[in-house]
Structures are given as structure tokens and as C-alpha cells.
Amino acid sequence: MKVTKKRKATAGLVSKDKLYSLTEASALIKKVNTTKFDASVDLHIMLGIDPKKADQAIRGTAALPHGTGKTKRVLVLTTPDKEDEARKAGADFVGLEEFVTKIEGGWMDFEVVIATPNVMAKIAKLGKVLGPRNLMPNPKSGTVSPEVGRAVEEVKKGKIAFKVDKFGIVHTSVGRVSFTPEQIADNASTLLNVISKMKPASSKGVYFRGISMASTMSPGINVDYKTVAGL
């Protein structure tokens, strides 16, 4: 793999053997970015859990104070009496039967699906399509709610859903490189505090085993969880 001049120039700025404070990492991530576009800033959080155990399969949501820097396309699956509420809140697509048919036909022009409880039985068959993409509405992620307006507004303002993978790692975006270091740190701290409160009682030992911050195509920056306020 050919390494670009920019990548070579920034590679020396990050030490693989050093643990950086969240404040340091949030400032450094802007310096090591080499893309010409507004790259995503992501956190990769390795947890001391066993995701194969049901009570340790961490999954939840976090309302980032500065949003993600990207407005997500939201599909709301609901009955006619809730359609106006969803549209007024900013939903991009609203309906039921027609969208179920479109999804079955391969249409996937959305990033979040929100549904009301009374339609879950009708959309259960979409699980095999939406499930593998982590798009199936779920009460734990706040995407199954009778208050569709509120749910849509929260997503549009920057509420994110996260889920631990089979290796015990949470991967999620906490902003863009155009954000200020303070905004990146605030978002990251908010997410980490939410995950901290979700530590399973059956999980023993060190909970945060490793935290890495990286932007698109940049080297990872190891973050010392002890420097995050509230942890």
C-alpha cells in the first residue's frame, strides 16, 4: 500500500505507545487528518464484557450535545393518525404499506427507521432485511415510540444509537473534523459517560479496556479513559 506524503508527515505526530487525554486526542485528531472532505471522527471502544451473554450485550442511545455534523434521512413507519406529527418533526419519509413494499424490493434510501408500537407486527417481516444493517426499529434504541415527533427530532438533533459488536467493541461517530476540539471532546465524553452507566453487574474487572479515536483514513489515537470527566 502506497503511503501519501501527507500521511507520512502526520504519522510521526501520533505515538502508538502513548495514552492521550481526551482533550489532547480531540485536538490532535484535527492535525492528523489528511482528507480533503469533512471526515467523520469515530470512537472505537473496547469493553471488558462478554457480548455473547444477553445481560452484557450493550446497546443504547446518546444525545450528542453538538450533533454528528450530518443530518440523517429518517423513515417513519406508522398509521395515518401519526403521519402529520412525523412530517412536522422533519421526517423525510412517512407511511407504512408502500414503504414496506419498497424495502422488500431493495429500496434503502434512509439511515434511521422509526416506528410506532402498533405497526411492529406488520413490519416484523422486514427484520431479515433491516436487522443485519442495524436499522430495525427497537425500543432500546428509541426507534419504537408512540411519540414519533419527539423521536424524529432527537435523531435530527444528533441522537445516535450504538451497539457492541461480537468482539465487545462499540464503533460510532462523535462528530466531524470540522468541529472544534472542544465540541469533539464534549461529544465523546457524553457518549463514554452513557456507556459507563450501562456497565453490567455481571461484568468484572476493567470495563474500558481500550479507547481509540480516529478520523477517516487517519491513524488511531489511544485515549486514557481516566481523563474523561465523570468516569
Protein backbone atom coordinates (compact mmCIF):
# COMPACT_ATOMS: atom_id res chain seq x y z
CA MET A 1 0.00 0.00 0.00
CA LYS A 2 1.40 3.38 -1.05
CA VAL A 3 1.64 5.91 1.77
CA THR A 4 0.96 9.51 0.74
CA LYS A 5 3.25 12.40 1.68
CA LYS A 6 0.56 13.84 3.93
CA ARG A 7 0.15 10.53 5.73
CA LYS A 8 3.91 10.26 6.23
CA ALA A 9 4.01 13.81 7.60
CA THR A 10 1.27 13.17 10.15
CA ALA A 11 2.30 9.63 11.14
CA GLY A 12 5.01 10.96 13.44
CA LEU A 13 2.52 13.08 15.37
CA VAL A 14 0.87 10.06 16.98
CA SER A 15 2.64 7.59 19.25
CA LYS A 16 1.12 4.10 19.34
CA ASP A 17 2.55 3.55 22.81
CA LYS A 18 1.11 6.69 24.40
CA LEU A 19 -2.24 7.20 26.09
CA TYR A 20 -3.54 10.69 25.31
CA SER A 21 -6.01 12.64 27.37
CA LEU A 22 -9.41 13.16 25.73
CA THR A 23 -8.57 16.85 25.33
CA GLU A 24 -5.24 16.06 23.64
CA ALA A 25 -6.78 13.47 21.33
CA SER A 26 -9.60 15.81 20.30
CA ALA A 27 -7.08 18.46 19.24
CA LEU A 28 -4.65 16.02 17.65
CA ILE A 29 -7.33 14.33 15.52
CA LYS A 30 -7.67 17.56 13.54
CA LYS A 31 -3.93 17.75 12.91
CA VAL A 32 -3.54 14.20 11.61
CA ASN A 33 -6.50 14.35 9.23
CA THR A 34 -5.34 14.11 5.60
CA THR A 35 -8.65 14.01 3.72
CA LYS A 36 -9.94 16.89 1.62
CA PHE A 37 -13.51 16.31 2.79
CA ASP A 38 -15.08 16.79 6.21
CA ALA A 39 -14.16 13.38 7.62
CA SER A 40 -16.02 11.62 10.40
CA VAL A 41 -14.41 11.41 13.84
CA ASP A 42 -15.05 7.98 15.31
CA LEU A 43 -14.56 6.29 18.67
CA HIS A 44 -13.73 2.59 18.92
CA ILE A 45 -14.38 1.46 22.49
CA MET A 46 -13.26 -1.99 23.67
CA LEU A 47 -15.25 -3.09 26.70
CA GLY A 48 -14.50 -5.70 29.31
CA ILE A 49 -17.68 -7.67 28.68
CA ASP A 50 -18.83 -10.89 27.06
CA PRO A 51 -21.29 -9.83 24.32
CA LYS A 52 -22.46 -13.45 23.97
CA LYS A 53 -24.22 -13.08 27.32
CA ALA A 54 -27.62 -11.40 26.96
CA ASP A 55 -27.15 -9.16 30.00
CA GLN A 56 -23.81 -7.90 28.66
CA ALA A 57 -24.88 -7.12 25.07
CA ILE A 58 -24.52 -3.35 25.45
CA ARG A 59 -26.92 -1.36 23.31
CA GLY A 60 -28.34 2.13 23.70
CA THR A 61 -28.53 5.74 22.57
CA ALA A 62 -26.75 9.00 23.35
CA ALA A 63 -27.79 12.57 22.59
CA LEU A 64 -24.58 14.26 21.49
CA PRO A 65 -24.57 17.93 22.58
CA HIS A 66 -23.10 19.12 19.27
CA GLY A 67 -24.73 16.56 16.99
CA THR A 68 -22.85 14.41 14.49
CA GLY A 69 -22.38 17.04 11.80
CA LYS A 70 -24.61 15.06 9.49
CA THR A 71 -28.38 15.17 9.07
CA LYS A 72 -29.77 11.65 8.77
CA ARG A 73 -32.58 10.63 6.43
CA VAL A 74 -35.39 9.33 8.62
CA LEU A 75 -38.16 6.94 7.61
CA VAL A 76 -41.20 6.73 9.89
CA LEU A 77 -43.44 3.69 9.64
CA THR A 78 -46.76 4.48 11.27
CA THR A 79 -50.53 4.68 10.92
CA PRO A 80 -52.24 7.69 9.25
CA ASP A 81 -53.10 9.37 12.57
CA LYS A 82 -49.39 9.88 13.32
CA GLU A 83 -48.18 10.87 9.86
CA ASP A 84 -48.62 14.65 10.25
CA GLU A 85 -46.75 14.60 13.57
CA ALA A 86 -43.84 12.80 11.94
CA ARG A 87 -43.71 15.16 8.95
CA LYS A 88 -43.84 18.29 11.09
CA ALA A 89 -40.91 16.95 13.12
CA GLY A 90 -38.81 16.64 9.96
CA ALA A 91 -39.18 13.01 8.88
CA ASP A 92 -38.01 12.50 5.29
CA PHE A 93 -40.36 9.61 4.51
CA VAL A 94 -43.65 8.77 6.23
CA GLY A 95 -46.08 5.94 5.60
CA LEU A 96 -46.42 2.21 6.01
CA GLU A 97 -47.54 -0.30 3.40
CA GLU A 98 -45.91 1.45 0.43
CA PHE A 99 -42.56 1.67 2.21
CA VAL A 100 -42.70 -1.92 3.44
CA THR A 101 -43.16 -2.96 -0.19
CA LYS A 102 -40.34 -0.70 -1.36
CA ILE A 103 -37.92 -2.06 1.25
CA GLU A 104 -38.79 -5.62 0.28
CA GLY A 105 -37.92 -4.60 -3.27
CA GLY A 106 -34.46 -3.35 -2.27
CA TRP A 107 -35.07 0.35 -1.53
CA MET A 108 -32.75 1.58 1.24
CA ASP A 109 -32.57 5.37 0.80
CA PHE A 110 -32.67 6.12 4.55
CA GLU A 111 -30.40 5.91 7.59
CA VAL A 112 -32.82 5.61 10.51
CA VAL A 113 -36.18 3.86 10.78
CA ILE A 114 -38.66 4.89 13.48
CA ALA A 115 -41.92 3.03 14.06
CA THR A 116 -44.91 3.27 16.36
CA PRO A 117 -45.64 0.21 18.55
CA ASN A 118 -48.93 -0.53 16.78
CA VAL A 119 -47.22 -1.32 13.44
CA MET A 120 -44.44 -3.58 14.70
CA ALA A 121 -46.38 -6.76 13.88
CA LYS A 122 -46.83 -5.55 10.30
CA ILE A 123 -43.16 -4.75 9.77
CA ALA A 124 -41.72 -7.79 11.58
CA LYS A 125 -41.00 -9.39 8.20
CA LEU A 126 -38.52 -6.59 7.46
CA GLY A 127 -36.26 -7.87 10.23
CA LYS A 128 -34.29 -10.07 7.85
CA VAL A 129 -33.53 -7.01 5.69
CA LEU A 130 -33.14 -4.25 8.30
CA GLY A 131 -31.71 -6.36 11.12
CA PRO A 132 -28.29 -7.09 9.56
CA ARG A 133 -27.93 -3.36 8.81
CA ASN A 134 -28.81 -2.41 12.40
CA LEU A 135 -31.83 -0.48 11.09
CA MET A 136 -34.70 -2.49 12.54
CA PRO A 137 -36.73 -0.32 14.97
CA ASN A 138 -36.07 -1.28 18.58
CA PRO A 139 -37.35 0.15 21.88
CA LYS A 140 -33.82 0.03 23.35
CA SER A 141 -32.56 2.42 20.68
CA GLY A 142 -35.56 4.71 21.00
CA THR A 143 -36.74 3.95 17.47
CA VAL A 144 -40.02 2.34 18.59
CA SER A 145 -42.12 5.03 20.19
CA PRO A 146 -45.70 6.34 20.21
CA GLU A 147 -44.18 9.84 20.28
CA VAL A 148 -42.83 9.79 16.72
CA GLY A 149 -42.42 13.56 16.56
CA ARG A 150 -40.12 13.61 19.55
CA ALA A 151 -38.20 10.57 18.28
CA VAL A 152 -37.61 12.20 14.88
CA GLU A 153 -36.48 15.49 16.43
CA GLU A 154 -33.97 13.72 18.67
CA VAL A 155 -32.41 11.89 15.72
CA LYS A 156 -32.26 15.07 13.66
CA LYS A 157 -30.55 16.92 16.52
CA GLY A 158 -27.82 14.34 16.91
CA LYS A 159 -29.10 11.40 18.89
CA ILE A 160 -27.11 8.31 17.96
CA ALA A 161 -27.66 4.61 18.52
CA PHE A 162 -24.76 2.31 19.37
CA LYS A 163 -24.34 -1.43 19.80
CA VAL A 164 -21.44 -3.58 20.91
CA ASP A 165 -20.18 -5.98 18.23
CA LYS A 166 -19.33 -9.65 18.71
CA PHE A 167 -15.80 -8.71 19.80
CA GLY A 168 -17.01 -6.45 22.62
CA ILE A 169 -16.28 -3.20 20.76
CA VAL A 170 -18.53 -0.19 20.18
CA HIS A 171 -17.85 1.73 16.97
CA THR A 172 -19.59 5.06 16.47
CA SER A 173 -19.13 8.61 15.19
CA VAL A 174 -18.81 11.55 17.59
CA GLY A 175 -18.54 14.37 15.07
CA ARG A 176 -16.54 15.68 12.11
CA VAL A 177 -13.00 17.04 11.79
CA SER A 178 -14.51 20.49 11.14
CA PHE A 179 -15.72 20.53 14.76
CA THR A 180 -13.67 22.37 17.34
CA PRO A 181 -11.57 20.23 19.71
CA GLU A 182 -13.96 21.22 22.49
CA GLN A 183 -17.01 20.01 20.55
CA ILE A 184 -15.34 16.68 19.74
CA ALA A 185 -14.35 16.22 23.39
CA ASP A 186 -17.84 17.13 24.63
CA ASN A 187 -19.49 14.62 22.30
CA ALA A 188 -17.00 11.88 23.13
CA SER A 189 -17.33 12.49 26.87
CA THR A 190 -21.13 12.35 26.65
CA LEU A 191 -21.05 9.02 24.82
CA LEU A 192 -18.48 7.48 27.19
CA ASN A 193 -20.47 8.54 30.24
CA VAL A 194 -23.62 6.96 28.83
CA ILE A 195 -21.77 3.70 28.17
CA SER A 196 -20.15 3.87 31.63
CA LYS A 197 -23.57 3.89 33.30
CA MET A 198 -24.55 0.79 31.33
CA LYS A 199 -21.85 -1.44 32.84
CA PRO A 200 -23.47 -4.84 33.53
CA ALA A 201 -23.41 -6.01 37.15
CA SER A 202 -22.06 -9.36 35.94
CA SER A 203 -19.08 -7.73 34.22
CA LYS A 204 -15.98 -7.94 36.42
CA GLY A 205 -12.60 -6.25 36.12
CA VAL A 206 -11.68 -3.31 33.91
CA TYR A 207 -14.70 -2.07 31.94
CA PHE A 208 -12.97 0.29 29.48
CA ARG A 209 -10.15 -1.84 28.10
CA GLY A 210 -9.24 0.48 25.26
CA ILE A 211 -10.48 3.65 23.56
CA SER A 212 -9.23 4.77 20.16
CA MET A 213 -10.17 7.95 18.33
CA ALA A 214 -9.69 8.16 14.57
CA SER A 215 -10.94 10.10 11.59
CA THR A 216 -11.40 8.64 8.14
CA MET A 217 -8.01 7.26 6.96
CA SER A 218 -6.12 8.72 9.94
CA PRO A 219 -4.03 6.78 12.49
CA GLY A 220 -5.82 5.84 15.70
CA ILE A 221 -5.16 7.87 18.84
CA ASN A 222 -5.30 5.91 22.10
CA VAL A 223 -7.34 7.71 24.76
CA ASP A 224 -6.85 7.33 28.50
CA TYR A 225 -10.37 6.78 29.88
CA LYS A 226 -9.22 8.13 33.26
CA THR A 227 -9.02 11.61 31.71
CA VAL A 228 -12.72 11.63 30.82
CA ALA A 229 -14.76 13.63 33.30
CA GLY A 230 -17.42 11.58 35.04
CA LEU A 231 -15.83 8.16 34.51
